[in-house]
PDB file of N, CA and C in Angstrom:
ATOM      1  N   UNK A   1      31.521-103.350 221.836  1.00  0.00           N
ATOM      2  CA  UNK A   1      30.456-103.755 220.945  1.00  0.00           C
ATOM      3  C   UNK A   1      30.211-105.249 221.140  1.00  0.00           C
ATOM      4  N   UNK A   2      28.984-105.630 221.019  1.00  0.00           N
ATOM      5  CA  UNK A   2      28.619-107.026 221.137  1.00  0.00           C
ATOM      6  C   UNK A   2      29.224-107.832 219.993  1.00  0.00           C
ATOM      7  N   UNK A   3      29.362-109.118 220.231  1.00  0.00           N
ATOM      8  CA  UNK A   3      29.964-109.971 219.204  1.00  0.00           C
ATOM      9  C   UNK A   3      28.993-110.268 218.062  1.00  0.00           C
ATOM     10  N   UNK A   4      27.725-109.879 218.189  1.00  0.00           N
ATOM     11  CA  UNK A   4      26.759-110.191 217.136  1.00  0.00           C
ATOM     12  C   UNK A   4      27.025-109.423 215.843  1.00  0.00           C
ATOM     13  N   UNK A   5      27.748-108.318 215.923  1.00  0.00           N
ATOM     14  CA  UNK A   5      28.035-107.523 214.723  1.00  0.00           C
ATOM     15  C   UNK A   5      29.483-107.661 214.260  1.00  0.00           C
ATOM     16  N   UNK A   6      30.295-108.417 214.974  1.00  0.00           N
ATOM     17  CA  UNK A   6      31.716-108.497 214.666  1.00  0.00           C
ATOM     18  C   UNK A   6      31.989-109.081 213.282  1.00  0.00           C
ATOM     19  N   UNK A   7      31.247-110.119 212.895  1.00  0.00           N
ATOM     20  CA  UNK A   7      31.513-110.723 211.584  1.00  0.00           C
ATOM     21  C   UNK A   7      31.143-109.768 210.443  1.00  0.00           C
ATOM     22  N   UNK A   8      30.120-108.945 210.641  1.00  0.00           N
ATOM     23  CA  UNK A   8      29.769-107.950 209.622  1.00  0.00           C
ATOM     24  C   UNK A   8      30.831-106.870 209.524  1.00  0.00           C
ATOM     25  N   UNK A   9      31.326-106.433 210.671  1.00  0.00           N
ATOM     26  CA  UNK A   9      32.357-105.403 210.686  1.00  0.00           C
ATOM     27  C   UNK A   9      33.645-105.918 210.044  1.00  0.00           C
ATOM     28  N   UNK A  10      34.004-107.174 210.328  1.00  0.00           N
ATOM     29  CA  UNK A  10      35.207-107.760 209.728  1.00  0.00           C
ATOM     30  C   UNK A  10      35.049-107.897 208.212  1.00  0.00           C
ATOM     31  N   UNK A  11      33.861-108.299 207.766  1.00  0.00           N
ATOM     32  CA  UNK A  11      33.613-108.429 206.326  1.00  0.00           C
ATOM     33  C   UNK A  11      33.651-107.063 205.639  1.00  0.00           C
ATOM     34  N   UNK A  12      33.140-106.032 206.308  1.00  0.00           N
ATOM     35  CA  UNK A  12      33.182-104.678 205.752  1.00  0.00           C
ATOM     36  C   UNK A  12      34.618-104.187 205.636  1.00  0.00           C
ATOM     37  N   UNK A  13      35.419-104.424 206.651  1.00  0.00           N
ATOM     38  CA  UNK A  13      36.827-104.013 206.608  1.00  0.00           C
ATOM     39  C   UNK A  13      37.561-104.706 205.469  1.00  0.00           C
ATOM     40  N   UNK A  14      37.336-106.003 205.326  1.00  0.00           N
ATOM     41  CA  UNK A  14      37.993-106.765 204.263  1.00  0.00           C
ATOM     42  C   UNK A  14      37.557-106.267 202.885  1.00  0.00           C
ATOM     43  N   UNK A  15      36.278-105.986 202.735  1.00  0.00           N
ATOM     44  CA  UNK A  15      35.765-105.485 201.459  1.00  0.00           C
ATOM     45  C   UNK A  15      36.368-104.127 201.124  1.00  0.00           C
ATOM     46  N   UNK A  16      36.465-103.251 202.121  1.00  0.00           N
ATOM     47  CA  UNK A  16      37.045-101.926 201.889  1.00  0.00           C
ATOM     48  C   UNK A  16      38.514-102.018 201.506  1.00  0.00           C
ATOM     49  N   UNK A  17      39.256-102.892 202.174  1.00  0.00           N
ATOM     50  CA  UNK A  17      40.683-103.025 201.884  1.00  0.00           C
ATOM     51  C   UNK A  17      40.941-103.578 200.489  1.00  0.00           C
ATOM     52  N   UNK A  18      39.992-104.339 199.944  1.00  0.00           N
ATOM     53  CA  UNK A  18      40.155-104.916 198.612  1.00  0.00           C
ATOM     54  C   UNK A  18      39.513-104.065 197.514  1.00  0.00           C
ATOM     55  N   UNK A  19      38.897-102.955 197.882  1.00  0.00           N
ATOM     56  CA  UNK A  19      38.210-102.117 196.892  1.00  0.00           C
ATOM     57  C   UNK A  19      39.214-101.292 196.085  1.00  0.00           C
ATOM     58  N   UNK A  20      38.785-100.841 194.920  1.00  0.00           N
ATOM     59  CA  UNK A  20      39.626 -99.995 194.068  1.00  0.00           C
ATOM     60  C   UNK A  20      39.931 -98.657 194.729  1.00  0.00           C
ATOM     61  N   UNK A  21      39.019 -98.179 195.536  1.00  0.00           N
ATOM     62  CA  UNK A  21      39.209 -96.894 196.215  1.00  0.00           C
ATOM     63  C   UNK A  21      40.464 -96.925 197.088  1.00  0.00           C
ATOM     64  N   UNK A  22      40.710 -98.043 197.741  1.00  0.00           N
ATOM     65  CA  UNK A  22      41.892 -98.177 198.606  1.00  0.00           C
ATOM     66  C   UNK A  22      43.092 -98.672 197.805  1.00  0.00           C
ATOM     67  N   UNK A  23      42.884 -99.715 197.009  1.00  0.00           N
ATOM     68  CA  UNK A  23      43.996-100.363 196.306  1.00  0.00           C
ATOM     69  C   UNK A  23      44.587 -99.476 195.200  1.00  0.00           C
ATOM     70  N   UNK A  24      43.760 -98.924 194.341  1.00  0.00           N
ATOM     71  CA  UNK A  24      44.256 -98.167 193.188  1.00  0.00           C
ATOM     72  C   UNK A  24      44.445 -96.683 193.475  1.00  0.00           C
ATOM     73  N   UNK A  25      43.492 -96.101 194.217  1.00  0.00           N
ATOM     74  CA  UNK A  25      43.527 -94.656 194.435  1.00  0.00           C
ATOM     75  C   UNK A  25      44.276 -94.266 195.704  1.00  0.00           C
ATOM     76  N   UNK A  26      44.555 -95.224 196.586  1.00  0.00           N
ATOM     77  CA  UNK A  26      45.350 -94.960 197.777  1.00  0.00           C
ATOM     78  C   UNK A  26      44.643 -94.212 198.892  1.00  0.00           C
ATOM     79  N   UNK A  27      43.314 -94.208 198.886  1.00  0.00           N
ATOM     80  CA  UNK A  27      42.576 -93.542 199.955  1.00  0.00           C
ATOM     81  C   UNK A  27      42.506 -94.451 201.177  1.00  0.00           C
ATOM     82  N   UNK A  28      42.288 -93.854 202.327  1.00  0.00           N
ATOM     83  CA  UNK A  28      42.049 -94.620 203.542  1.00  0.00           C
ATOM     84  C   UNK A  28      40.643 -95.214 203.482  1.00  0.00           C
ATOM     85  N   UNK A  29      40.423 -96.378 204.125  1.00  0.00           N
ATOM     86  CA  UNK A  29      39.070 -96.951 204.120  1.00  0.00           C
ATOM     87  C   UNK A  29      38.017 -95.995 204.679  1.00  0.00           C
ATOM     88  N   UNK A  30      38.376 -95.237 205.715  1.00  0.00           N
ATOM     89  CA  UNK A  30      37.413 -94.280 206.278  1.00  0.00           C
ATOM     90  C   UNK A  30      37.093 -93.168 205.281  1.00  0.00           C
ATOM     91  N   UNK A  31      38.081 -92.751 204.493  1.00  0.00           N
ATOM     92  CA  UNK A  31      37.833 -91.739 203.460  1.00  0.00           C
ATOM     93  C   UNK A  31      36.912 -92.289 202.380  1.00  0.00           C
ATOM     94  N   UNK A  32      37.116 -93.546 202.034  1.00  0.00           N
ATOM     95  CA  UNK A  32      36.269 -94.157 201.002  1.00  0.00           C
ATOM     96  C   UNK A  32      34.811 -94.208 201.455  1.00  0.00           C
ATOM     97  N   UNK A  33      34.588 -94.522 202.727  1.00  0.00           N
ATOM     98  CA  UNK A  33      33.219 -94.585 203.236  1.00  0.00           C
ATOM     99  C   UNK A  33      32.562 -93.212 203.277  1.00  0.00           C
ATOM    100  N   UNK A  34      33.315 -92.200 203.667  1.00  0.00           N
ATOM    101  CA  UNK A  34      32.727 -90.873 203.873  1.00  0.00           C
ATOM    102  C   UNK A  34      32.724 -90.009 202.614  1.00  0.00           C
ATOM    103  N   UNK A  35      33.834 -89.990 201.875  1.00  0.00           N
ATOM    104  CA  UNK A  35      33.972 -89.046 200.767  1.00  0.00           C
ATOM    105  C   UNK A  35      33.802 -89.671 199.385  1.00  0.00           C
ATOM    106  N   UNK A  36      34.058 -90.967 199.254  1.00  0.00           N
ATOM    107  CA  UNK A  36      34.022 -91.610 197.935  1.00  0.00           C
ATOM    108  C   UNK A  36      33.136 -92.861 197.922  1.00  0.00           C
ATOM    109  N   UNK A  37      31.914 -92.804 198.416  1.00  0.00           N
ATOM    110  CA  UNK A  37      31.086 -94.017 198.418  1.00  0.00           C
ATOM    111  C   UNK A  37      30.712 -94.482 197.009  1.00  0.00           C
ATOM    112  N   UNK A  38      30.747 -93.573 196.028  1.00  0.00           N
ATOM    113  CA  UNK A  38      30.418 -93.944 194.647  1.00  0.00           C
ATOM    114  C   UNK A  38      31.495 -94.840 194.027  1.00  0.00           C
ATOM    115  N   UNK A  39      32.695 -94.882 194.622  1.00  0.00           N
ATOM    116  CA  UNK A  39      33.773 -95.726 194.109  1.00  0.00           C
ATOM    117  C   UNK A  39      33.771 -97.121 194.728  1.00  0.00           C
ATOM    118  N   UNK A  40      32.900 -97.359 195.696  1.00  0.00           N
ATOM    119  CA  UNK A  40      32.866 -98.649 196.377  1.00  0.00           C
ATOM    120  C   UNK A  40      31.964 -99.628 195.636  1.00  0.00           C
ATOM    121  N   UNK A  41      32.307-100.925 195.675  1.00  0.00           N
ATOM    122  CA  UNK A  41      31.428-101.923 195.053  1.00  0.00           C
ATOM    123  C   UNK A  41      30.121-102.063 195.845  1.00  0.00           C
ATOM    124  N   UNK A  42      29.122-102.602 195.205  1.00  0.00           N
ATOM    125  CA  UNK A  42      27.806-102.766 195.824  1.00  0.00           C
ATOM    126  C   UNK A  42      27.877-103.638 197.081  1.00  0.00           C
ATOM    127  N   UNK A  43      28.754-104.621 197.077  1.00  0.00           N
ATOM    128  CA  UNK A  43      28.897-105.507 198.240  1.00  0.00           C
ATOM    129  C   UNK A  43      29.324-104.719 199.477  1.00  0.00           C
ATOM    130  N   UNK A  44      30.261-103.799 199.323  1.00  0.00           N
ATOM    131  CA  UNK A  44      30.726-102.980 200.451  1.00  0.00           C
ATOM    132  C   UNK A  44      29.607-102.077 200.964  1.00  0.00           C
ATOM    133  N   UNK A  45      28.834-101.515 200.059  1.00  0.00           N
ATOM    134  CA  UNK A  45      27.732-100.651 200.476  1.00  0.00           C
ATOM    135  C   UNK A  45      26.661-101.453 201.206  1.00  0.00           C
ATOM    136  N   UNK A  46      26.419-102.677 200.764  1.00  0.00           N
ATOM    137  CA  UNK A  46      25.448-103.538 201.443  1.00  0.00           C
ATOM    138  C   UNK A  46      25.944-103.928 202.830  1.00  0.00           C
ATOM    139  N   UNK A  47      27.234-104.229 202.936  1.00  0.00           N
ATOM    140  CA  UNK A  47      27.806-104.562 204.239  1.00  0.00           C
ATOM    141  C   UNK A  47      27.785-103.359 205.173  1.00  0.00           C
ATOM    142  N   UNK A  48      27.981-102.179 204.627  1.00  0.00           N
ATOM    143  CA  UNK A  48      27.915-100.959 205.443  1.00  0.00           C
ATOM    144  C   UNK A  48      26.516-100.786 206.016  1.00  0.00           C
ATOM    145  N   UNK A  49      25.500-100.981 205.183  1.00  0.00           N
ATOM    146  CA  UNK A  49      24.117-100.856 205.644  1.00  0.00           C
ATOM    147  C   UNK A  49      23.779-101.943 206.662  1.00  0.00           C
ATOM    148  N   UNK A  50      24.241-103.164 206.427  1.00  0.00           N
ATOM    149  CA  UNK A  50      23.975-104.260 207.361  1.00  0.00           C
ATOM    150  C   UNK A  50      24.653-104.011 208.708  1.00  0.00           C
ATOM    151  N   UNK A  51      25.868-103.464 208.687  1.00  0.00           N
ATOM    152  CA  UNK A  51      26.568-103.137 209.929  1.00  0.00           C
ATOM    153  C   UNK A  51      25.821-102.043 210.681  1.00  0.00           C
ATOM    154  N   UNK A  52      25.356-101.031 209.968  1.00  0.00           N
ATOM    155  CA  UNK A  52      24.579 -99.957 210.587  1.00  0.00           C
ATOM    156  C   UNK A  52      23.308-100.507 211.226  1.00  0.00           C
ATOM    157  N   UNK A  53      22.582-101.358 210.489  1.00  0.00           N
ATOM    158  CA  UNK A  53      21.345-101.936 211.018  1.00  0.00           C
ATOM    159  C   UNK A  53      21.615-102.799 212.241  1.00  0.00           C
ATOM    160  N   UNK A  54      22.701-103.553 212.210  1.00  0.00           N
ATOM    161  CA  UNK A  54      23.052-104.418 213.332  1.00  0.00           C
ATOM    162  C   UNK A  54      23.333-103.587 214.582  1.00  0.00           C
ATOM    163  N   UNK A  55      24.114-102.529 214.438  1.00  0.00           N
ATOM    164  CA  UNK A  55      24.424-101.669 215.586  1.00  0.00           C
ATOM    165  C   UNK A  55      23.170-100.956 216.096  1.00  0.00           C
ATOM    166  N   UNK A  56      22.317-100.509 215.186  1.00  0.00           N
ATOM    167  CA  UNK A  56      21.083 -99.829 215.592  1.00  0.00           C
ATOM    168  C   UNK A  56      20.160-100.783 216.339  1.00  0.00           C
ATOM    169  N   UNK A  57      20.072-102.022 215.875  1.00  0.00           N
ATOM    170  CA  UNK A  57      19.197-102.995 216.521  1.00  0.00           C
ATOM    171  C   UNK A  57      19.693-103.398 217.903  1.00  0.00           C
ATOM    172  N   UNK A  58      20.983-103.206 218.167  1.00  0.00           N
ATOM    173  CA  UNK A  58      21.496-103.502 219.503  1.00  0.00           C
ATOM    174  C   UNK A  58      20.918-102.529 220.532  1.00  0.00           C
ATOM    175  N   UNK A  59      20.537-101.335 220.105  1.00  0.00           N
ATOM    176  CA  UNK A  59      19.977-100.332 221.007  1.00  0.00           C
ATOM    177  C   UNK A  59      18.455-100.380 221.079  1.00  0.00           C
ATOM    178  N   UNK A  60      17.832-101.106 220.179  1.00  0.00           N
ATOM    179  CA  UNK A  60      16.377-101.191 220.126  1.00  0.00           C
ATOM    180  C   UNK A  60      15.891-102.166 221.195  1.00  0.00           C
ATOM    181  N   UNK A  61      15.100-101.671 222.129  1.00  0.00           N
ATOM    182  CA  UNK A  61      14.631-102.512 223.237  1.00  0.00           C
ATOM    183  C   UNK A  61      13.756-103.671 222.760  1.00  0.00           C
ATOM    184  N   UNK A  62      13.031-103.493 221.676  1.00  0.00           N
ATOM    185  CA  UNK A  62      12.196-104.589 221.173  1.00  0.00           C
ATOM    186  C   UNK A  62      13.051-105.734 220.648  1.00  0.00           C
ATOM    187  N   UNK A  63      14.227-105.400 220.112  1.00  0.00           N
ATOM    188  CA  UNK A  63      15.104-106.422 219.544  1.00  0.00           C
ATOM    189  C   UNK A  63      15.924-107.131 220.620  1.00  0.00           C
ATOM    190  N   UNK A  64      16.067-106.511 221.791  1.00  0.00           N
ATOM    191  CA  UNK A  64      16.903-107.110 222.832  1.00  0.00           C
ATOM    192  C   UNK A  64      16.343-108.439 223.312  1.00  0.00           C
ATOM    193  N   UNK A  65      15.031-108.552 223.412  1.00  0.00           N
ATOM    194  CA  UNK A  65      14.439-109.797 223.880  1.00  0.00           C
ATOM    195  C   UNK A  65      14.403-110.846 222.778  1.00  0.00           C
ATOM    196  N   UNK A  66      14.212-110.413 221.561  1.00  0.00           N
ATOM    197  CA  UNK A  66      14.122-111.345 220.435  1.00  0.00           C
ATOM    198  C   UNK A  66      15.482-111.727 219.882  1.00  0.00           C
ATOM    199  N   UNK A  67      16.465-110.903 220.125  1.00  0.00           N
ATOM    200  CA  UNK A  67      17.794-111.152 219.579  1.00  0.00           C
ATOM    201  C   UNK A  67      18.025-110.310 218.340  1.00  0.00           C
ATOM    202  N   UNK A  68      19.267-110.006 218.088  1.00  0.00           N
ATOM    203  CA  UNK A  68      19.643-109.170 216.953  1.00  0.00           C
ATOM    204  C   UNK A  68      19.701-110.037 215.707  1.00  0.00           C
ATOM    205  N   UNK A  69      18.776-109.839 214.795  1.00  0.00           N
ATOM    206  CA  UNK A  69      18.719-110.661 213.584  1.00  0.00           C
ATOM    207  C   UNK A  69      19.394-110.001 212.398  1.00  0.00           C
ATOM    208  N   UNK A  70      19.918-108.782 212.569  1.00  0.00           N
ATOM    209  CA  UNK A  70      20.553-108.090 211.442  1.00  0.00           C
ATOM    210  C   UNK A  70      21.843-108.758 211.019  1.00  0.00           C
ATOM    211  N   UNK A  71      22.537-109.376 211.938  1.00  0.00           N
ATOM    212  CA  UNK A  71      23.813-109.983 211.622  1.00  0.00           C
ATOM    213  C   UNK A  71      23.733-111.436 211.223  1.00  0.00           C
ATOM    214  N   UNK A  72      22.536-111.995 211.184  1.00  0.00           N
ATOM    215  CA  UNK A  72      22.382-113.410 210.864  1.00  0.00           C
ATOM    216  C   UNK A  72      22.430-113.601 209.355  1.00  0.00           C
ATOM    217  N   UNK A  73      23.246-114.538 208.927  1.00  0.00           N
ATOM    218  CA  UNK A  73      23.372-114.843 207.503  1.00  0.00           C
ATOM    219  C   UNK A  73      22.558-116.097 207.220  1.00  0.00           C
ATOM    220  N   UNK A  74      21.606-115.985 206.317  1.00  0.00           N
ATOM    221  CA  UNK A  74      20.749-117.105 205.955  1.00  0.00           C
ATOM    222  C   UNK A  74      21.303-117.746 204.696  1.00  0.00           C
ATOM    223  N   UNK A  75      21.566-119.073 204.731  1.00  0.00           N
ATOM    224  CA  UNK A  75      22.089-119.719 203.529  1.00  0.00           C
ATOM    225  C   UNK A  75      21.042-119.740 202.422  1.00  0.00           C
ATOM    226  N   UNK A  76      21.481-119.677 201.163  1.00  0.00           N
ATOM    227  CA  UNK A  76      20.524-119.705 200.052  1.00  0.00           C
ATOM    228  C   UNK A  76      19.862-121.074 199.954  1.00  0.00           C
ATOM    229  N   UNK A  77      18.644-121.125 199.442  1.00  0.00           N
ATOM    230  CA  UNK A  77      17.961-122.414 199.312  1.00  0.00           C
ATOM    231  C   UNK A  77      18.674-123.305 198.304  1.00  0.00           C
ATOM    232  N   UNK A  78      18.618-124.597 198.573  1.00  0.00           N
ATOM    233  CA  UNK A  78      19.270-125.557 197.677  1.00  0.00           C
ATOM    234  C   UNK A  78      18.451-125.692 196.403  1.00  0.00           C
ATOM    235  N   UNK A  79      19.139-125.798 195.287  1.00  0.00           N
ATOM    236  CA  UNK A  79      18.453-125.966 194.010  1.00  0.00           C
ATOM    237  C   UNK A  79      18.488-127.440 193.622  1.00  0.00           C
ATOM    238  N   UNK A  80      17.572-127.808 192.787  1.00  0.00           N
ATOM    239  CA  UNK A  80      17.550-129.179 192.302  1.00  0.00           C
ATOM    240  C   UNK A  80      16.724-130.115 193.166  1.00  0.00           C
ATOM    241  N   UNK A  81      16.146-129.617 194.210  1.00  0.00           N
ATOM    242  CA  UNK A  81      15.310-130.447 195.067  1.00  0.00           C
ATOM    243  C   UNK A  81      13.896-130.449 194.520  1.00  0.00           C
ATOM    244  N   UNK A  82      13.266-131.561 194.574  1.00  0.00           N
ATOM    245  CA  UNK A  82      11.892-131.660 194.109  1.00  0.00           C
ATOM    246  C   UNK A  82      10.962-131.558 195.299  1.00  0.00           C
ATOM    247  N   UNK A  83       9.802-130.997 195.077  1.00  0.00           N
ATOM    248  CA  UNK A  83       8.824-130.888 196.152  1.00  0.00           C
ATOM    249  C   UNK A  83       8.111-132.225 196.292  1.00  0.00           C
ATOM    250  N   UNK A  84       7.670-132.542 197.507  1.00  0.00           N
ATOM    251  CA  UNK A  84       6.975-133.816 197.705  1.00  0.00           C
ATOM    252  C   UNK A  84       5.649-133.819 196.947  1.00  0.00           C
ATOM    253  N   UNK A  85       5.372-134.898 196.262  1.00  0.00           N
ATOM    254  CA  UNK A  85       4.135-134.989 195.483  1.00  0.00           C
ATOM    255  C   UNK A  85       3.049-135.628 196.322  1.00  0.00           C
ATOM    256  N   UNK A  86       1.817-135.210 196.093  1.00  0.00           N
ATOM    257  CA  UNK A  86       0.688-135.727 196.868  1.00  0.00           C
ATOM    258  C   UNK A  86      -0.125-136.664 196.034  1.00  0.00           C
TER     259      UNK A  86
END
């Protein structure tokens, strides 16, 4: 797999390992994804979707020339900044 999706996959693994499905109920992370998705936090489900989109975009010929943007994390805008006055 290309390195463009590695950080998403690592974040998904970490999220799954820290979820209640694994920690409290003792299920395997793969079981939590397939059989118990309702027990996963929203962050894990979002990371799962982002990982899926990233892998799918690696196969999309239109995305190959532009680059895979599914794995790019955009920082939130800074607050407290004033707009330039005219």
